Amino acid sequence: MTTLLLVEDDRTIGQALESSLELHGYDVHWARAGGAALGEAQRTPFDLVLLDLGLPDLDGVEVCRRLRAMQPQTVLVIVTARQDEIDVVVGLEAGADDYLVKPVRLGELLARVRAHLRRGPSTARQSIAVGGLLVDTAGRKASVAGQEVPLRTKEFDLLARLAEGVGTAVSRETLMADVWDAHWYGSTKTLDVHIASLRRKLMAGAPSAEQAPVITTLRGHGYRLELPQE
């Protein structure tokens, strides 16, 4: 059974989400505070976390960082009333895979949960080489010049999608649909933050700047993965 961690201090919201998620077949662990959530994460590996940022004991962003460090492969979705752009950026940079702003319709939340849990890169090609970059889709590993680059789940999925068509422009809408949710609507800031993080990690993991693959921004369209600059 798919195991979810729900971190929500509001009893009414928490009860509604717990009941609905369990009705749809998920094993739900409900934590009402940040400390309790971290304790649950120490005992149980979760497939997905729904995290509110307004917690009574710890700052939700700090809880997000700790959860990401404890369970690197877990899908982490922030569900919060904080809607300013800086809050979205900070939450995503803390390790979240997705950011939903309350109030969020239950149907949308359930659809997003299902999309995250079934989402994964195509394994039609077992490995993709782009210059010194090797993307191992079967093993879900990426390396530059033989040096493995530690990537979070969505960072790997995004890199694999771009690597499928090296040199080909991929629109923002296509990336959001293929990596996150085919029915995505609203802000795509999550894509920009993941691209920025992916660039930093690829550059840091390369023995030299000349061996790092390049993700080019195409203003008004999307992104393109290219061979390292000579």
Protein backbone atom coordinates (compact mmCIF):
# COMPACT_ATOMS: atom_id res chain seq x y z
CA MET A 1 0.00 0.00 0.00
CA THR A 2 1.24 3.51 -0.84
CA THR A 3 2.26 5.30 2.36
CA LEU A 4 1.70 9.05 2.77
CA LEU A 5 2.73 11.50 5.48
CA LEU A 6 0.25 14.32 6.04
CA VAL A 7 1.67 17.27 8.02
CA GLU A 8 -1.22 19.57 8.93
CA ASP A 9 -2.01 21.29 12.24
CA ASP A 10 -5.57 22.32 11.37
CA ARG A 11 -7.81 19.55 12.72
CA THR A 12 -10.69 20.17 10.30
CA ILE A 13 -8.47 20.18 7.22
CA GLY A 14 -6.41 17.28 8.50
CA GLN A 15 -9.40 15.07 9.19
CA ALA A 16 -10.91 15.81 5.77
CA LEU A 17 -7.66 15.03 3.96
CA GLU A 18 -6.93 11.92 6.00
CA SER A 19 -10.40 10.49 5.38
CA SER A 20 -10.35 11.23 1.67
CA LEU A 21 -6.84 9.87 1.12
CA GLU A 22 -7.62 6.68 3.06
CA LEU A 23 -10.84 6.30 1.07
CA HIS A 24 -8.70 6.29 -2.09
CA GLY A 25 -6.54 3.48 -0.76
CA TYR A 26 -3.57 5.32 0.79
CA ASP A 27 -2.00 4.48 4.14
CA VAL A 28 -1.94 7.90 5.83
CA HIS A 29 0.20 8.96 8.80
CA TRP A 30 -1.08 12.31 10.09
CA ALA A 31 1.37 14.54 12.00
CA ARG A 32 0.03 17.76 13.55
CA ALA A 33 3.43 19.41 14.14
CA GLY A 34 6.87 19.58 12.59
CA GLY A 35 8.60 17.59 15.31
CA ALA A 36 6.04 14.82 15.05
CA ALA A 37 6.51 14.74 11.26
CA LEU A 38 10.27 14.36 11.59
CA GLY A 39 9.73 11.58 14.12
CA GLU A 40 7.43 9.76 11.71
CA ALA A 41 10.02 10.12 8.94
CA GLN A 42 12.66 8.51 11.15
CA ARG A 43 10.47 5.43 11.61
CA THR A 44 8.73 5.05 8.25
CA PRO A 45 9.79 5.48 4.60
CA PHE A 46 7.09 7.48 2.79
CA ASP A 47 6.14 7.52 -0.87
CA LEU A 48 4.80 11.08 -0.65
CA VAL A 49 4.52 13.88 1.90
CA LEU A 50 1.87 16.61 2.01
CA LEU A 51 3.37 19.42 4.09
CA ASP A 52 1.73 22.57 5.45
CA LEU A 53 4.22 25.37 6.21
CA GLY A 54 2.27 26.99 9.05
CA LEU A 55 3.17 24.63 11.88
CA PRO A 56 2.96 25.36 15.63
CA ASP A 57 6.48 24.28 16.64
CA LEU A 58 8.89 24.47 13.70
CA ASP A 59 9.06 26.55 10.55
CA GLY A 60 7.62 24.49 7.71
CA VAL A 61 10.49 25.35 5.36
CA GLU A 62 12.97 23.93 7.87
CA VAL A 63 10.83 20.80 8.20
CA CYS A 64 10.89 20.53 4.40
CA ARG A 65 14.70 20.68 4.36
CA ARG A 66 15.02 18.02 7.06
CA LEU A 67 12.50 15.71 5.42
CA ARG A 68 14.32 16.02 2.11
CA ALA A 69 17.63 15.14 3.79
CA MET A 70 16.07 12.18 5.61
CA GLN A 71 14.19 10.77 2.62
CA PRO A 72 15.81 12.00 -0.63
CA GLN A 73 13.60 9.94 -2.97
CA THR A 74 10.26 10.80 -1.37
CA VAL A 75 7.91 13.09 -3.32
CA LEU A 76 7.42 16.22 -1.20
CA VAL A 77 4.42 18.46 -1.88
CA ILE A 78 3.90 21.71 0.03
CA VAL A 79 0.24 22.63 0.61
CA THR A 80 0.02 26.05 2.25
CA ALA A 81 -1.76 29.39 2.38
CA ARG A 82 1.52 31.22 1.64
CA GLN A 83 1.19 32.38 -1.94
CA ASP A 84 3.83 35.09 -2.48
CA GLU A 85 6.37 34.24 -5.17
CA ILE A 86 9.26 34.37 -2.69
CA ASP A 87 7.50 31.76 -0.54
CA VAL A 88 7.12 29.47 -3.56
CA VAL A 89 10.79 29.84 -4.47
CA VAL A 90 12.00 29.27 -0.90
CA GLY A 91 9.78 26.20 -0.51
CA LEU A 92 10.96 24.63 -3.74
CA GLU A 93 14.61 25.40 -3.02
CA ALA A 94 14.18 23.75 0.38
CA GLY A 95 13.52 20.49 -1.47
CA ALA A 96 9.83 20.40 -2.38
CA ASP A 97 8.78 18.80 -5.67
CA ASP A 98 5.53 20.73 -5.90
CA TYR A 99 3.79 23.72 -4.29
CA LEU A 100 0.01 24.06 -3.93
CA VAL A 101 -1.70 27.14 -2.51
CA LYS A 102 -4.70 26.81 -0.19
CA PRO A 103 -7.57 26.73 -0.63
CA VAL A 104 -7.05 23.83 -3.02
CA ARG A 105 -9.89 21.72 -4.34
CA LEU A 106 -9.82 18.16 -3.07
CA GLY A 107 -10.16 16.76 -6.58
CA GLU A 108 -7.14 18.74 -7.74
CA LEU A 109 -5.09 17.61 -4.75
CA LEU A 110 -5.94 13.94 -5.31
CA ALA A 111 -5.14 14.25 -9.02
CA ARG A 112 -1.78 15.83 -8.21
CA VAL A 113 -0.98 13.06 -5.71
CA ARG A 114 -1.81 10.37 -8.28
CA ALA A 115 0.27 12.13 -10.94
CA HIS A 116 3.31 12.39 -8.69
CA LEU A 117 3.11 8.77 -7.61
CA ARG A 118 2.85 7.36 -11.11
CA ARG A 119 5.20 9.83 -12.78
CA GLY A 120 8.55 8.62 -13.97
CA PRO A 121 10.90 9.06 -16.91
CA SER A 122 10.60 6.88 -20.00
CA THR A 123 12.70 3.74 -19.78
CA ALA A 124 12.54 3.00 -23.50
CA ARG A 125 16.20 3.97 -23.58
CA GLN A 126 18.21 2.47 -20.73
CA SER A 127 20.89 5.15 -20.92
CA ILE A 128 21.33 8.49 -22.67
CA ALA A 129 24.75 10.03 -23.35
CA VAL A 130 25.19 13.75 -23.95
CA GLY A 131 28.89 14.48 -24.23
CA GLY A 132 30.32 13.70 -20.79
CA LEU A 133 26.83 13.37 -19.29
CA LEU A 134 25.37 9.87 -18.87
CA VAL A 135 21.74 9.50 -17.78
CA ASP A 136 20.99 5.95 -16.60
CA THR A 137 17.18 5.79 -16.69
CA ALA A 138 17.00 2.22 -15.42
CA GLY A 139 19.20 2.90 -12.41
CA ARG A 140 17.94 6.50 -12.09
CA LYS A 141 21.51 7.83 -11.89
CA ALA A 142 23.27 10.65 -13.68
CA SER A 143 27.00 11.23 -13.98
CA VAL A 144 29.31 13.74 -15.63
CA ALA A 145 32.70 12.42 -16.77
CA GLY A 146 32.18 9.40 -14.52
CA GLN A 147 31.31 11.46 -11.44
CA GLU A 148 27.80 10.75 -10.12
CA VAL A 149 25.62 13.82 -9.64
CA PRO A 150 23.17 13.54 -6.70
CA LEU A 151 19.73 14.53 -7.95
CA ARG A 152 16.32 14.67 -6.35
CA THR A 153 13.47 12.75 -7.99
CA LYS A 154 12.07 15.58 -10.09
CA GLU A 155 15.53 16.89 -10.98
CA PHE A 156 16.39 13.48 -12.44
CA ASP A 157 13.07 13.24 -14.29
CA LEU A 158 13.60 16.72 -15.73
CA LEU A 159 17.15 15.95 -16.85
CA ALA A 160 16.07 12.65 -18.42
CA ARG A 161 13.28 14.41 -20.34
CA LEU A 162 15.64 17.07 -21.69
CA ALA A 163 18.27 14.45 -22.54
CA GLU A 164 15.78 12.47 -24.65
CA GLY A 165 15.95 15.23 -27.27
CA VAL A 166 19.40 16.76 -26.91
CA GLY A 167 19.61 19.89 -29.05
CA THR A 168 15.81 20.04 -29.32
CA ALA A 169 13.79 22.87 -27.81
CA VAL A 170 11.24 21.68 -25.24
CA SER A 171 8.44 24.04 -24.24
CA ARG A 172 7.63 24.86 -20.64
CA GLU A 173 4.18 23.35 -21.07
CA THR A 174 5.62 20.08 -22.35
CA LEU A 175 8.10 19.84 -19.48
CA MET A 176 5.39 20.54 -16.90
CA ALA A 177 3.12 17.91 -18.47
CA ASP A 178 5.79 15.23 -18.87
CA VAL A 179 7.60 15.69 -15.56
CA TRP A 180 4.87 16.94 -13.24
CA ASP A 181 1.24 16.70 -14.37
CA ALA A 182 -0.49 16.57 -17.75
CA HIS A 183 -3.28 18.72 -16.30
CA TRP A 184 -1.01 21.28 -14.65
CA TYR A 185 -2.26 24.84 -14.53
CA GLY A 186 -1.11 27.94 -12.73
CA SER A 187 2.43 29.07 -11.98
CA THR A 188 5.37 27.20 -13.51
CA LYS A 189 7.84 28.70 -11.04
CA THR A 190 8.54 25.17 -9.83
CA LEU A 191 10.10 24.43 -13.25
CA ASP A 192 12.39 27.47 -13.09
CA VAL A 193 13.61 26.57 -9.60
CA HIS A 194 14.31 22.96 -10.58
CA ILE A 195 16.19 24.07 -13.71
CA ALA A 196 18.35 26.44 -11.64
CA SER A 197 19.13 23.69 -9.13
CA LEU A 198 19.87 21.20 -11.91
CA ARG A 199 22.32 23.61 -13.54
CA ARG A 200 24.17 24.15 -10.26
CA LYS A 201 24.46 20.44 -9.56
CA LEU A 202 25.63 19.55 -13.07
CA MET A 203 28.29 22.28 -12.94
CA ALA A 204 29.40 21.26 -9.45
CA GLY A 205 29.59 17.60 -10.44
CA ALA A 206 31.69 18.14 -13.54
CA PRO A 207 35.49 17.80 -13.20
CA SER A 208 35.76 20.89 -15.43
CA ALA A 209 33.34 23.49 -16.75
CA GLU A 210 33.99 22.29 -20.31
CA GLN A 211 32.52 18.87 -19.47
CA ALA A 212 29.27 20.12 -17.93
CA PRO A 213 26.19 19.86 -20.19
CA VAL A 214 24.44 23.14 -20.90
CA ILE A 215 20.75 23.86 -20.29
CA THR A 216 19.89 26.86 -22.46
CA THR A 217 16.92 29.08 -21.67
CA LEU A 218 14.74 29.88 -24.67
CA ARG A 219 12.93 33.06 -23.72
CA GLY A 220 9.19 32.78 -24.19
CA HIS A 221 9.36 29.06 -24.99
CA GLY A 222 11.29 26.72 -22.70
CA TYR A 223 14.67 24.99 -22.47
CA ARG A 224 17.17 23.01 -24.54
CA LEU A 225 19.90 20.61 -23.40
CA GLU A 226 23.09 21.03 -25.40
CA LEU A 227 26.54 19.51 -25.63
CA PRO A 228 29.17 21.14 -23.41
CA GLN A 229 30.75 24.25 -24.85
CA GLU A 230 34.10 23.73 -26.47
